[in-house]
Amino acid sequence: MHINFKYFIVSIGSIFLALGIGILVGSSLGNNETIQKQNEAIVKDIDEQFNELKTKDEKLSKENTSLKENTDRYRKYIESNELLLTAGKLTGRQIGIISFSEKDSLDNLDTVISNAGGNVAFNIVINESLFEKGSAQKINEKLQTNISKNSELIDLVSSAIKESDINGKLNILSELGYIKVEKYTNQFDTVNNIVVFNNPVTKMKNKLTILEKPIIENMKAEKAVLAVQNSSSSKDSLQELSKLKIATINNVDQSIGHISLITCLANDKIIGDFGKNDDNIVTIPVAK
């Protein structure tokens, strides 16, 4: 039988190593008084740190409560003084409204603009059905056109709005159900600003890219454009529209949003994202 001495040497070495560690641990545990003092020092240090953190937390909690109370007071002040804060800001200005939401009523938007002295020159809803299969053919038959691309449909709708011919292209597009003319009381040339109402809830894939953005870019070439939506909607689409270098407001259904709307309409050069951000902080535009 072959004996592996290397195995025995390693085994014996392991035994002596284990004994050495045992002796070392035992000797360190032997002095209970020293260990007790160390434990007491650790517990005391932890207790002091906990009390310090607790004091800081209570202070921050009070500051947070105070800030919330101040915010609520400012909100209530703005809500009760909205008419005073916006009165006369849009005197003599003509505002056009283009909506991409077939369900939302924009009567409140019309009222806010009117209360500030402005006039809603037109209010037109562009329906998703504009890009349905066969829509181009129906339009071609009615208008004697030769449209075959989505971009040509965009140009047609844009030109119909700009021509201000309520009995021409706008009327035909309305009869076909591709747009809805809620109001058209003034010429496009007299319009100062265009408010675009966005609604992210849609059945249409890539609606923002193939419908909303092209319309906005078309209008933006001639008029100051502002994109808005209600506070219940996702902010993602407005953040995408803000890349077009226009002002956006994501809480136009609230009093602070109304003031932001009027401020932006009264100052064409204001650009930025206004309303509630990801930290739930509300920002409003400042007139310079």
C-alpha atoms as a PDB file:
ATOM      1  CA  MET A   1       0.000   0.000   0.000  1.00  0.00           C
ATOM      2  CA  HIS A   2       1.393   3.362  -1.028  1.00  0.00           C
ATOM      3  CA  ILE A   3       1.410   6.002   1.789  1.00  0.00           C
ATOM      4  CA  ASN A   4       1.135   9.644   0.749  1.00  0.00           C
ATOM      5  CA  PHE A   5       3.286  11.493   3.384  1.00  0.00           C
ATOM      6  CA  LYS A   6       2.393  14.833   1.766  1.00  0.00           C
ATOM      7  CA  TYR A   7      -1.258  14.191   2.742  1.00  0.00           C
ATOM      8  CA  PHE A   8      -0.303  13.553   6.415  1.00  0.00           C
ATOM      9  CA  ILE A   9       1.877  16.645   6.566  1.00  0.00           C
ATOM     10  CA  VAL A  10      -0.950  18.863   5.261  1.00  0.00           C
ATOM     11  CA  SER A  11      -3.455  17.254   7.662  1.00  0.00           C
ATOM     12  CA  ILE A  12      -1.202  17.713  10.703  1.00  0.00           C
ATOM     13  CA  GLY A  13      -0.497  21.324   9.667  1.00  0.00           C
ATOM     14  CA  SER A  14      -4.252  22.017   9.409  1.00  0.00           C
ATOM     15  CA  ILE A  15      -4.815  20.602  12.917  1.00  0.00           C
ATOM     16  CA  PHE A  16      -2.141  22.804  14.463  1.00  0.00           C
ATOM     17  CA  LEU A  17      -3.491  25.857  12.568  1.00  0.00           C
ATOM     18  CA  ALA A  18      -7.010  25.213  13.883  1.00  0.00           C
ATOM     19  CA  LEU A  19      -5.620  24.823  17.432  1.00  0.00           C
ATOM     20  CA  GLY A  20      -3.737  28.118  17.085  1.00  0.00           C
ATOM     21  CA  ILE A  21      -6.855  29.967  15.940  1.00  0.00           C
ATOM     22  CA  GLY A  22      -8.845  28.415  18.794  1.00  0.00           C
ATOM     23  CA  ILE A  23      -6.305  29.526  21.369  1.00  0.00           C
ATOM     24  CA  LEU A  24      -6.237  33.055  19.905  1.00  0.00           C
ATOM     25  CA  VAL A  25     -10.029  33.380  19.920  1.00  0.00           C
ATOM     26  CA  GLY A  26     -10.266  31.932  23.383  1.00  0.00           C
ATOM     27  CA  SER A  27      -7.715  34.327  24.800  1.00  0.00           C
ATOM     28  CA  SER A  28      -9.512  37.312  23.255  1.00  0.00           C
ATOM     29  CA  LEU A  29     -12.820  36.163  24.703  1.00  0.00           C
ATOM     30  CA  GLY A  30     -11.328  35.630  28.089  1.00  0.00           C
ATOM     31  CA  ASN A  31     -11.496  39.269  29.105  1.00  0.00           C
ATOM     32  CA  ASN A  32     -15.259  39.813  29.411  1.00  0.00           C
ATOM     33  CA  GLU A  33     -14.872  43.229  31.027  1.00  0.00           C
ATOM     34  CA  THR A  34     -12.979  44.604  28.014  1.00  0.00           C
ATOM     35  CA  ILE A  35     -15.548  43.193  25.581  1.00  0.00           C
ATOM     36  CA  GLN A  36     -18.422  44.620  27.633  1.00  0.00           C
ATOM     37  CA  LYS A  37     -16.875  48.097  27.574  1.00  0.00           C
ATOM     38  CA  GLN A  38     -16.359  47.871  23.806  1.00  0.00           C
ATOM     39  CA  ASN A  39     -19.982  46.816  23.306  1.00  0.00           C
ATOM     40  CA  GLU A  40     -21.236  49.637  25.505  1.00  0.00           C
ATOM     41  CA  ALA A  41     -19.178  52.147  23.492  1.00  0.00           C
ATOM     42  CA  ILE A  42     -20.591  50.794  20.223  1.00  0.00           C
ATOM     43  CA  VAL A  43     -24.179  50.901  21.515  1.00  0.00           C
ATOM     44  CA  LYS A  44     -23.678  54.450  22.804  1.00  0.00           C
ATOM     45  CA  ASP A  45     -22.272  55.595  19.450  1.00  0.00           C
ATOM     46  CA  ILE A  46     -25.166  54.000  17.546  1.00  0.00           C
ATOM     47  CA  ASP A  47     -27.664  55.595  19.939  1.00  0.00           C
ATOM     48  CA  GLU A  48     -26.107  59.040  19.483  1.00  0.00           C
ATOM     49  CA  GLN A  49     -26.167  58.704  15.688  1.00  0.00           C
ATOM     50  CA  PHE A  50     -29.790  57.551  15.778  1.00  0.00           C
ATOM     51  CA  ASN A  51     -30.843  60.513  17.924  1.00  0.00           C
ATOM     52  CA  GLU A  52     -28.987  62.877  15.596  1.00  0.00           C
ATOM     53  CA  LEU A  53     -30.734  61.444  12.551  1.00  0.00           C
ATOM     54  CA  LYS A  54     -34.082  61.537  14.349  1.00  0.00           C
ATOM     55  CA  THR A  55     -33.598  65.242  15.159  1.00  0.00           C
ATOM     56  CA  LYS A  56     -32.723  65.992  11.516  1.00  0.00           C
ATOM     57  CA  ASP A  57     -35.742  64.007  10.309  1.00  0.00           C
ATOM     58  CA  GLU A  58     -38.110  65.905  12.617  1.00  0.00           C
ATOM     59  CA  LYS A  59     -36.651  69.212  11.423  1.00  0.00           C
ATOM     60  CA  LEU A  60     -37.037  68.253   7.759  1.00  0.00           C
ATOM     61  CA  SER A  61     -40.564  67.014   8.421  1.00  0.00           C
ATOM     62  CA  LYS A  62     -41.528  70.383   9.922  1.00  0.00           C
ATOM     63  CA  GLU A  63     -39.931  72.240   7.014  1.00  0.00           C
ATOM     64  CA  ASN A  64     -41.760  70.009   4.544  1.00  0.00           C
ATOM     65  CA  THR A  65     -45.087  70.616   6.280  1.00  0.00           C
ATOM     66  CA  SER A  66     -44.433  74.355   6.231  1.00  0.00           C
ATOM     67  CA  LEU A  67     -43.570  74.298   2.519  1.00  0.00           C
ATOM     68  CA  LYS A  68     -46.713  72.302   1.733  1.00  0.00           C
ATOM     69  CA  GLU A  69     -48.840  74.778   3.678  1.00  0.00           C
ATOM     70  CA  ASN A  70     -47.245  77.698   1.813  1.00  0.00           C
ATOM     71  CA  THR A  71     -47.772  75.932  -1.516  1.00  0.00           C
ATOM     72  CA  ASP A  72     -51.440  75.339  -0.707  1.00  0.00           C
ATOM     73  CA  ARG A  73     -51.837  79.008   0.238  1.00  0.00           C
ATOM     74  CA  TYR A  74     -50.247  80.145  -3.041  1.00  0.00           C
ATOM     75  CA  ARG A  75     -52.434  77.733  -5.013  1.00  0.00           C
ATOM     76  CA  LYS A  76     -55.606  78.983  -3.325  1.00  0.00           C
ATOM     77  CA  TYR A  77     -54.501  82.598  -3.867  1.00  0.00           C
ATOM     78  CA  ILE A  78     -53.954  81.967  -7.585  1.00  0.00           C
ATOM     79  CA  GLU A  79     -57.272  80.127  -7.941  1.00  0.00           C
ATOM     80  CA  SER A  80     -59.193  82.966  -6.282  1.00  0.00           C
ATOM     81  CA  ASN A  81     -57.377  85.684  -8.249  1.00  0.00           C
ATOM     82  CA  GLU A  82     -57.066  84.042 -11.661  1.00  0.00           C
ATOM     83  CA  LEU A  83     -59.287  86.588 -13.423  1.00  0.00           C
ATOM     84  CA  LEU A  84     -57.415  89.481 -11.834  1.00  0.00           C
ATOM     85  CA  LEU A  85     -54.042  88.021 -12.801  1.00  0.00           C
ATOM     86  CA  THR A  86     -55.024  87.474 -16.458  1.00  0.00           C
ATOM     87  CA  ALA A  87     -57.444  90.351 -17.134  1.00  0.00           C
ATOM     88  CA  GLY A  88     -56.659  92.280 -20.312  1.00  0.00           C
ATOM     89  CA  LYS A  89     -53.472  90.324 -21.048  1.00  0.00           C
ATOM     90  CA  LEU A  90     -54.778  89.191 -24.465  1.00  0.00           C
ATOM     91  CA  THR A  91     -56.692  92.301 -25.505  1.00  0.00           C
ATOM     92  CA  GLY A  92     -56.841  92.490 -29.287  1.00  0.00           C
ATOM     93  CA  ARG A  93     -55.148  89.129 -29.835  1.00  0.00           C
ATOM     94  CA  GLN A  94     -56.594  86.429 -32.084  1.00  0.00           C
ATOM     95  CA  ILE A  95     -55.998  82.832 -31.002  1.00  0.00           C
ATOM     96  CA  GLY A  96     -56.432  79.697 -33.088  1.00  0.00           C
ATOM     97  CA  ILE A  97     -56.991  76.275 -31.511  1.00  0.00           C
ATOM     98  CA  ILE A  98     -56.097  72.965 -33.152  1.00  0.00           C
ATOM     99  CA  SER A  99     -57.030  69.849 -31.210  1.00  0.00           C
ATOM    100  CA  PHE A 100     -55.972  66.247 -31.760  1.00  0.00           C
ATOM    101  CA  SER A 101     -58.515  64.965 -29.245  1.00  0.00           C
ATOM    102  CA  GLU A 102     -61.937  63.988 -30.588  1.00  0.00           C
ATOM    103  CA  LYS A 103     -63.477  63.556 -27.122  1.00  0.00           C
ATOM    104  CA  ASP A 104     -62.235  66.479 -25.010  1.00  0.00           C
ATOM    105  CA  SER A 105     -64.319  69.646 -24.975  1.00  0.00           C
ATOM    106  CA  LEU A 106     -62.240  72.835 -25.166  1.00  0.00           C
ATOM    107  CA  ASP A 107     -65.002  75.214 -24.080  1.00  0.00           C
ATOM    108  CA  ASN A 108     -63.036  75.985 -20.915  1.00  0.00           C
ATOM    109  CA  LEU A 109     -59.996  76.935 -23.000  1.00  0.00           C
ATOM    110  CA  ASP A 110     -62.170  79.295 -25.046  1.00  0.00           C
ATOM    111  CA  THR A 111     -63.530  80.836 -21.827  1.00  0.00           C
ATOM    112  CA  VAL A 112     -60.060  81.381 -20.327  1.00  0.00           C
ATOM    113  CA  ILE A 113     -58.856  83.139 -23.489  1.00  0.00           C
ATOM    114  CA  SER A 114     -62.008  85.277 -23.691  1.00  0.00           C
ATOM    115  CA  ASN A 115     -61.749  86.284 -20.005  1.00  0.00           C
ATOM    116  CA  ALA A 116     -58.217  87.548 -20.719  1.00  0.00           C
ATOM    117  CA  GLY A 117     -59.529  89.762 -23.526  1.00  0.00           C
ATOM    118  CA  GLY A 118     -58.577  87.507 -26.432  1.00  0.00           C
ATOM    119  CA  ASN A 119     -60.713  86.039 -29.192  1.00  0.00           C
ATOM    120  CA  VAL A 120     -60.713  82.444 -30.407  1.00  0.00           C
ATOM    121  CA  ALA A 121     -60.524  82.879 -34.183  1.00  0.00           C
ATOM    122  CA  PHE A 122     -60.952  79.183 -34.924  1.00  0.00           C
ATOM    123  CA  ASN A 123     -61.224  75.839 -33.163  1.00  0.00           C
ATOM    124  CA  ILE A 124     -60.577  72.809 -35.340  1.00  0.00           C
ATOM    125  CA  VAL A 125     -60.300  69.144 -34.369  1.00  0.00           C
ATOM    126  CA  ILE A 126     -58.152  66.914 -36.603  1.00  0.00           C
ATOM    127  CA  ASN A 127     -59.325  63.310 -36.392  1.00  0.00           C
ATOM    128  CA  GLU A 128     -57.145  60.198 -36.540  1.00  0.00           C
ATOM    129  CA  SER A 129     -59.339  58.881 -39.353  1.00  0.00           C
ATOM    130  CA  LEU A 130     -57.433  61.209 -41.706  1.00  0.00           C
ATOM    131  CA  PHE A 131     -54.886  58.411 -42.121  1.00  0.00           C
ATOM    132  CA  GLU A 132     -57.336  55.542 -42.415  1.00  0.00           C
ATOM    133  CA  LYS A 133     -57.100  53.261 -45.424  1.00  0.00           C
ATOM    134  CA  GLY A 134     -58.992  54.776 -48.355  1.00  0.00           C
ATOM    135  CA  SER A 135     -59.105  58.329 -46.964  1.00  0.00           C
ATOM    136  CA  ALA A 136     -56.800  59.695 -49.668  1.00  0.00           C
ATOM    137  CA  GLN A 137     -59.000  58.208 -52.384  1.00  0.00           C
ATOM    138  CA  LYS A 138     -62.154  59.748 -50.919  1.00  0.00           C
ATOM    139  CA  ILE A 139     -60.471  63.143 -50.688  1.00  0.00           C
ATOM    140  CA  ASN A 140     -59.168  62.895 -54.248  1.00  0.00           C
ATOM    141  CA  GLU A 141     -62.665  62.177 -55.536  1.00  0.00           C
ATOM    142  CA  LYS A 142     -64.165  65.168 -53.692  1.00  0.00           C
ATOM    143  CA  LEU A 143     -61.410  67.717 -54.321  1.00  0.00           C
ATOM    144  CA  GLN A 144     -60.108  66.472 -57.674  1.00  0.00           C
ATOM    145  CA  THR A 145     -56.623  66.045 -56.184  1.00  0.00           C
ATOM    146  CA  ASN A 146     -53.964  63.356 -56.604  1.00  0.00           C
ATOM    147  CA  ILE A 147     -52.890  62.715 -53.014  1.00  0.00           C
ATOM    148  CA  SER A 148     -50.998  59.490 -52.288  1.00  0.00           C
ATOM    149  CA  LYS A 149     -48.789  60.221 -49.242  1.00  0.00           C
ATOM    150  CA  ASN A 150     -49.423  61.065 -45.585  1.00  0.00           C
ATOM    151  CA  SER A 151     -47.295  64.193 -45.946  1.00  0.00           C
ATOM    152  CA  GLU A 152     -49.645  65.380 -48.716  1.00  0.00           C
ATOM    153  CA  LEU A 153     -52.646  64.869 -46.418  1.00  0.00           C
ATOM    154  CA  ILE A 154     -50.880  67.002 -43.792  1.00  0.00           C
ATOM    155  CA  ASP A 155     -50.223  69.743 -46.358  1.00  0.00           C
ATOM    156  CA  LEU A 156     -53.859  69.632 -47.485  1.00  0.00           C
ATOM    157  CA  VAL A 157     -55.273  70.055 -43.966  1.00  0.00           C
ATOM    158  CA  SER A 158     -52.749  72.784 -43.146  1.00  0.00           C
ATOM    159  CA  SER A 159     -53.509  74.724 -46.310  1.00  0.00           C
ATOM    160  CA  ALA A 160     -57.267  74.370 -45.710  1.00  0.00           C
ATOM    161  CA  ILE A 161     -56.870  75.971 -42.264  1.00  0.00           C
ATOM    162  CA  LYS A 162     -54.634  78.744 -43.618  1.00  0.00           C
ATOM    163  CA  GLU A 163     -56.943  79.566 -46.534  1.00  0.00           C
ATOM    164  CA  SER A 164     -59.775  80.230 -44.067  1.00  0.00           C
ATOM    165  CA  ASP A 165     -62.311  79.031 -46.650  1.00  0.00           C
ATOM    166  CA  ILE A 166     -64.956  77.536 -44.428  1.00  0.00           C
ATOM    167  CA  ASN A 167     -67.071  76.585 -47.453  1.00  0.00           C
ATOM    168  CA  GLY A 168     -64.168  75.077 -49.411  1.00  0.00           C
ATOM    169  CA  LYS A 169     -61.647  72.418 -48.351  1.00  0.00           C
ATOM    170  CA  LEU A 170     -62.529  72.727 -44.656  1.00  0.00           C
ATOM    171  CA  ASN A 171     -66.174  71.981 -45.378  1.00  0.00           C
ATOM    172  CA  ILE A 172     -65.373  68.934 -47.521  1.00  0.00           C
ATOM    173  CA  LEU A 173     -62.883  67.541 -44.998  1.00  0.00           C
ATOM    174  CA  SER A 174     -65.534  68.058 -42.318  1.00  0.00           C
ATOM    175  CA  GLU A 175     -68.194  66.270 -44.382  1.00  0.00           C
ATOM    176  CA  LEU A 176     -65.828  63.330 -44.820  1.00  0.00           C
ATOM    177  CA  GLY A 177     -65.269  63.222 -41.029  1.00  0.00           C
ATOM    178  CA  TYR A 178     -61.533  63.921 -41.116  1.00  0.00           C
ATOM    179  CA  ILE A 179     -61.803  67.213 -39.254  1.00  0.00           C
ATOM    180  CA  LYS A 180     -64.405  68.956 -37.116  1.00  0.00           C
ATOM    181  CA  VAL A 181     -64.841  72.712 -37.329  1.00  0.00           C
ATOM    182  CA  GLU A 182     -66.014  73.839 -33.884  1.00  0.00           C
ATOM    183  CA  LYS A 183     -65.536  77.523 -34.732  1.00  0.00           C
ATOM    184  CA  TYR A 184     -64.063  79.678 -37.485  1.00  0.00           C
ATOM    185  CA  THR A 185     -64.822  83.381 -37.040  1.00  0.00           C
ATOM    186  CA  ASN A 186     -61.717  85.097 -38.381  1.00  0.00           C
ATOM    187  CA  GLN A 187     -59.030  84.909 -41.065  1.00  0.00           C
ATOM    188  CA  PHE A 188     -55.841  82.925 -40.483  1.00  0.00           C
ATOM    189  CA  ASP A 189     -53.754  85.981 -41.379  1.00  0.00           C
ATOM    190  CA  THR A 190     -55.110  87.857 -38.353  1.00  0.00           C
ATOM    191  CA  VAL A 191     -54.206  85.064 -35.891  1.00  0.00           C
ATOM    192  CA  ASN A 192     -51.395  85.830 -33.433  1.00  0.00           C
ATOM    193  CA  ASN A 193     -50.961  82.416 -31.770  1.00  0.00           C
ATOM    194  CA  ILE A 194     -52.052  78.833 -32.237  1.00  0.00           C
ATOM    195  CA  VAL A 195     -52.769  76.588 -29.259  1.00  0.00           C
ATOM    196  CA  VAL A 196     -52.388  72.872 -30.008  1.00  0.00           C
ATOM    197  CA  PHE A 197     -54.273  70.585 -27.633  1.00  0.00           C
ATOM    198  CA  ASN A 198     -52.561  67.216 -27.265  1.00  0.00           C
ATOM    199  CA  ASN A 199     -54.125  64.024 -25.959  1.00  0.00           C
ATOM    200  CA  PRO A 200     -51.685  61.070 -25.602  1.00  0.00           C
ATOM    201  CA  VAL A 201     -54.565  58.563 -25.323  1.00  0.00           C
ATOM    202  CA  THR A 202     -54.895  57.239 -28.862  1.00  0.00           C
ATOM    203  CA  LYS A 203     -55.503  54.101 -30.899  1.00  0.00           C
ATOM    204  CA  MET A 204     -53.326  55.423 -33.701  1.00  0.00           C
ATOM    205  CA  LYS A 205     -49.737  54.184 -33.718  1.00  0.00           C
ATOM    206  CA  ASN A 206     -47.070  56.923 -33.847  1.00  0.00           C
ATOM    207  CA  LYS A 207     -49.736  59.641 -33.903  1.00  0.00           C
ATOM    208  CA  LEU A 208     -47.335  62.153 -32.396  1.00  0.00           C
ATOM    209  CA  THR A 209     -44.743  61.581 -35.114  1.00  0.00           C
ATOM    210  CA  ILE A 210     -46.882  61.250 -38.232  1.00  0.00           C
ATOM    211  CA  LEU A 211     -49.739  63.653 -37.429  1.00  0.00           C
ATOM    212  CA  GLU A 212     -49.155  66.097 -34.573  1.00  0.00           C
ATOM    213  CA  LYS A 213     -45.523  67.045 -35.175  1.00  0.00           C
ATOM    214  CA  PRO A 214     -45.937  67.693 -38.921  1.00  0.00           C
ATOM    215  CA  ILE A 215     -49.024  69.874 -38.338  1.00  0.00           C
ATOM    216  CA  ILE A 216     -47.211  71.863 -35.638  1.00  0.00           C
ATOM    217  CA  GLU A 217     -44.134  72.330 -37.815  1.00  0.00           C
ATOM    218  CA  ASN A 218     -46.345  73.505 -40.666  1.00  0.00           C
ATOM    219  CA  MET A 219     -48.142  76.051 -38.479  1.00  0.00           C
ATOM    220  CA  LYS A 220     -44.985  77.061 -36.619  1.00  0.00           C
ATOM    221  CA  ALA A 221     -43.481  78.306 -39.875  1.00  0.00           C
ATOM    222  CA  GLU A 222     -45.990  81.192 -39.824  1.00  0.00           C
ATOM    223  CA  LYS A 223     -47.413  81.533 -36.296  1.00  0.00           C
ATOM    224  CA  ALA A 224     -46.293  81.202 -32.676  1.00  0.00           C
ATOM    225  CA  VAL A 225     -47.392  77.751 -31.485  1.00  0.00           C
ATOM    226  CA  LEU A 226     -48.069  76.567 -27.936  1.00  0.00           C
ATOM    227  CA  ALA A 227     -48.792  72.902 -27.067  1.00  0.00           C
ATOM    228  CA  VAL A 228     -50.987  72.085 -24.052  1.00  0.00           C
ATOM    229  CA  GLN A 229     -52.663  69.134 -22.357  1.00  0.00           C
ATOM    230  CA  ASN A 230     -54.592  68.294 -19.197  1.00  0.00           C
ATOM    231  CA  SER A 231     -52.791  67.374 -15.965  1.00  0.00           C
ATOM    232  CA  SER A 232     -54.127  63.802 -16.056  1.00  0.00           C
ATOM    233  CA  SER A 233     -52.197  63.016 -19.264  1.00  0.00           C
ATOM    234  CA  SER A 234     -48.680  61.629 -19.482  1.00  0.00           C
ATOM    235  CA  LYS A 235     -45.967  64.280 -19.859  1.00  0.00           C
ATOM    236  CA  ASP A 236     -43.892  62.172 -22.272  1.00  0.00           C
ATOM    237  CA  SER A 237     -45.556  63.399 -25.463  1.00  0.00           C
ATOM    238  CA  LEU A 238     -45.295  67.071 -24.476  1.00  0.00           C
ATOM    239  CA  GLN A 239     -41.618  66.586 -23.697  1.00  0.00           C
ATOM    240  CA  GLU A 240     -41.229  65.263 -27.221  1.00  0.00           C
ATOM    241  CA  LEU A 241     -43.107  68.241 -28.681  1.00  0.00           C
ATOM    242  CA  SER A 242     -40.912  70.656 -26.715  1.00  0.00           C
ATOM    243  CA  LYS A 243     -38.024  69.543 -28.946  1.00  0.00           C
ATOM    244  CA  LEU A 244     -39.698  71.641 -31.647  1.00  0.00           C
ATOM    245  CA  LYS A 245     -38.644  74.720 -29.641  1.00  0.00           C
ATOM    246  CA  ILE A 246     -42.149  75.695 -28.545  1.00  0.00           C
ATOM    247  CA  ALA A 247     -43.713  76.354 -25.149  1.00  0.00           C
ATOM    248  CA  THR A 248     -45.612  73.448 -23.548  1.00  0.00           C
ATOM    249  CA  ILE A 249     -48.053  73.386 -20.608  1.00  0.00           C
ATOM    250  CA  ASN A 250     -49.134  70.069 -19.040  1.00  0.00           C
ATOM    251  CA  ASN A 251     -51.772  71.368 -16.601  1.00  0.00           C
ATOM    252  CA  VAL A 252     -53.978  73.622 -18.754  1.00  0.00           C
ATOM    253  CA  ASP A 253     -57.068  72.362 -16.882  1.00  0.00           C
ATOM    254  CA  GLN A 254     -55.894  74.063 -13.651  1.00  0.00           C
ATOM    255  CA  SER A 255     -55.798  77.721 -12.602  1.00  0.00           C
ATOM    256  CA  ILE A 256     -51.990  77.816 -12.613  1.00  0.00           C
ATOM    257  CA  GLY A 257     -52.100  76.300 -16.096  1.00  0.00           C
ATOM    258  CA  HIS A 258     -54.549  79.012 -17.201  1.00  0.00           C
ATOM    259  CA  ILE A 259     -52.134  81.714 -16.058  1.00  0.00           C
ATOM    260  CA  SER A 260     -49.267  79.942 -17.825  1.00  0.00           C
ATOM    261  CA  LEU A 261     -51.378  79.780 -20.994  1.00  0.00           C
ATOM    262  CA  ILE A 262     -52.213  83.476 -20.967  1.00  0.00           C
ATOM    263  CA  THR A 263     -48.617  84.453 -20.150  1.00  0.00           C
ATOM    264  CA  CYS A 264     -47.268  82.421 -23.085  1.00  0.00           C
ATOM    265  CA  LEU A 265     -49.913  83.724 -25.494  1.00  0.00           C
ATOM    266  CA  ALA A 266     -49.139  87.298 -24.487  1.00  0.00           C
ATOM    267  CA  ASN A 267     -45.388  86.755 -24.986  1.00  0.00           C
ATOM    268  CA  ASP A 268     -44.631  84.925 -28.220  1.00  0.00           C
ATOM    269  CA  LYS A 269     -40.937  84.455 -27.445  1.00  0.00           C
ATOM    270  CA  ILE A 270     -41.445  82.344 -24.301  1.00  0.00           C
ATOM    271  CA  ILE A 271     -40.156  78.798 -24.824  1.00  0.00           C
ATOM    272  CA  GLY A 272     -39.990  76.030 -22.217  1.00  0.00           C
ATOM    273  CA  ASP A 273     -41.867  73.270 -20.394  1.00  0.00           C
ATOM    274  CA  PHE A 274     -44.377  74.498 -17.810  1.00  0.00           C
ATOM    275  CA  GLY A 275     -46.691  72.751 -15.366  1.00  0.00           C
ATOM    276  CA  LYS A 276     -45.883  69.876 -13.010  1.00  0.00           C
ATOM    277  CA  ASN A 277     -42.484  68.227 -13.407  1.00  0.00           C
ATOM    278  CA  ASP A 278     -41.348  64.777 -12.248  1.00  0.00           C
ATOM    279  CA  ASP A 279     -40.761  66.101  -8.713  1.00  0.00           C
ATOM    280  CA  ASN A 280     -44.372  67.377  -8.603  1.00  0.00           C
ATOM    281  CA  ILE A 281     -43.116  70.957  -8.638  1.00  0.00           C
ATOM    282  CA  VAL A 282     -45.223  73.407 -10.632  1.00  0.00           C
ATOM    283  CA  THR A 283     -43.455  75.916 -12.858  1.00  0.00           C
ATOM    284  CA  ILE A 284     -45.029  78.869 -14.659  1.00  0.00           C
ATOM    285  CA  PRO A 285     -43.547  81.094 -17.365  1.00  0.00           C
ATOM    286  CA  VAL A 286     -42.189  84.486 -16.392  1.00  0.00           C
ATOM    287  CA  ALA A 287     -42.783  87.439 -18.692  1.00  0.00           C
ATOM    288  CA  LYS A 288     -39.577  89.382 -19.362  1.00  0.00           C
END
